[in-house]
Amino acid sequence: MHADSPLPSIARALEQIETGELRARDLAERCLERIAVRDTEVQAFIAHDAGRVRAQADAIDAGERRGLLRGIPYAVKDVIETAAYPTGYGSALYTGNRTARDAACVALSQEQGAVLLGKVATSEFATQTPGPTRNPLNLAHTPGGSSSGSAAAVADGMAMVAWGTQTTGSITRPAVYCGVVGYKPSFGLVSTAGVGVLSPSQDTVGALARSVADAAALVLGIHGRRYESAPNDARYTVGVCLSSQWRHAGGQAIDALRSWTAKLAAAGMRVKEFALPPAYEALIADQSRLVAYDARQALAYERLTANAGISPRLRERLAAGGVIGLDEYLAMQQRASALRCLVDGLFDGVDALVYPAAEDEAEEGILQSGSPRFGALWTLLHVPTVALPLDVGRRGLPLGAQLVGRPNRDLALLQLAEHASAFSPWLMGSAAA
């Protein structure tokens, strides 16, 4: 496989490897060549070992490793533990840190025959202080955070798919900023064992990929399940969920969302609009305060023993968590729990919700990574989401939206999102390329 040839879809690659038309080594070399050519500029990877990658691929080709992800090259966000590489959590405090084990998502990926390419950059402890990664679509712009390296590596063809994490909007926003798909599963669908803790009631492991089907293949694959598309005659209804957060979305982002839903309607999908109920509006404000309190607890050791090694931005956030009392914290958690029990009501008469994913195109510069606000409510409610880039903005970077599904109805959401992605000019342009 030539270095400039496009990577196949995961489904196609698995089929070709099975028939012998393609070697796992071919895929690995394609990714390694791309890393060698581009990563000095993009700075997605913080650690990779070409020898290790080739050894894994050769074991696949020799028939020593099999599975539903046989030969698929993937990257891992640096808050997720890997035995083969250090896990630094995006912090200088943990440079060279080795935990000597694989996180559950990594171990299960390896069990299914995937090929680990290495570790990719994250914001500090998966919060808001960015790492070194640049947006591969325009190096002068942010890739978003905190799954910055995961999104950039996939967008630039260095990896077929990558594991990321989301506690507020850390999969959703980087996906749209970099022009790829971001799938945040239902809470708990992918185990967080071996993942750096930030907010235990919200931390979610998910996938960044070039298509909905590829993202689904990774997440379902570690459960021993192949992804299957919905029948072509499937009929869907989506609800455009209006809320106070829409005032933060730029005009062109809203235009892209509405143009996309108009295309869906023209193709036969029913599109409704409704306002987010007031109780959920109040929960949006709770989410960031819950993260601040939880982060202060989770990073207590670092805060108490190495506070000077924490960025000023994160120190400020941890301090904000310190002014929240236990009674207030428990009351917020109670409100969240109560609304999780009622969340199915948001989907009355619709198969999924449509919601903004980011305020606009990716910001210029890498010192800021954009606001995660549009993922906040859905992460706290534990529902699955799929972020899709939709169209190109004035600066040539993607604009997008997200689809939100019922809790633990991930397959239904993925099938709907795959259908809806066929009406995204950005994704269709990427497929044509």
Foldseek 3Di string as FASTA:
>chain_A
DDLPDDDDFQVVVVVCCVVVVDALLVLLVSLVVLCVVPCVLQVFAPDFDSVQQNVLRVCLSVVNAAALRASAEEEEELQFADLVAFRQQQFPVRVRHHPNHGFQLVVLCVNRHYGYGHYTYFARNFDWFADDGAQPQDRQFALFHGSRSQQRSQLSSSGQKYKDKDQFQHQLQSLQQNFWKGKFAFPPLRDCGRGQDQFVLQITMFMTHRALLRRCSSSVRSVRDHADADDPPDEFEEEAEDEPCCVLADPVLVVLLVVLVVVVVVVPHHYHYDYDDPLLNVLLVVQLLSSLLRRLVSCVVCCVPPVVSDDPVNNVSVVSNVVDDPVNNVVSLVSLVVVLVVVVVVQVPGFKYKFFRFRFHTDGHHRGRGDSSRRRSLSSSSWMKMKGFADADPVRGTHTIMITGRRPPVSSRSNVRNVSNVSGPSSVVVVVD
